[in-house]
Amino acid sequence: MTTTTIDGIIGTVEKLLMELIELQRSQIRSKADDADKWDEDEENKNDWKLAAAVIDRILFIFFSIVIVGGTIIFCAIFARIHSSYT
């Protein structure tokens, strides 16, 4: 083998190694971007969970008041109607 052929092979190997290094760097960047997106998605999901918990608590209180109030009104009306018959 001549020196030019060996230099050509070495040049090709160096180019391939540089491409591999660049590919590896891009994969690392991609994984870092995916991790950042996952963190952002996780934070967004937690925000929605908090909003759902607040709405759930408000509706629980509202329906509890409606049911207890309705029961008291029903019992008061029933007692009044029943007492007028005696």
Foldseek 3Di string as FASTA:
>chain_A
DDPVVVVVVVVVVVVVVVVVVVVVVVVVVVVVVVVVVVVVVVVVVVVVVVVVVVVVVVVVVVVVCVVVVVVVVVVVVVVVVVVVVD
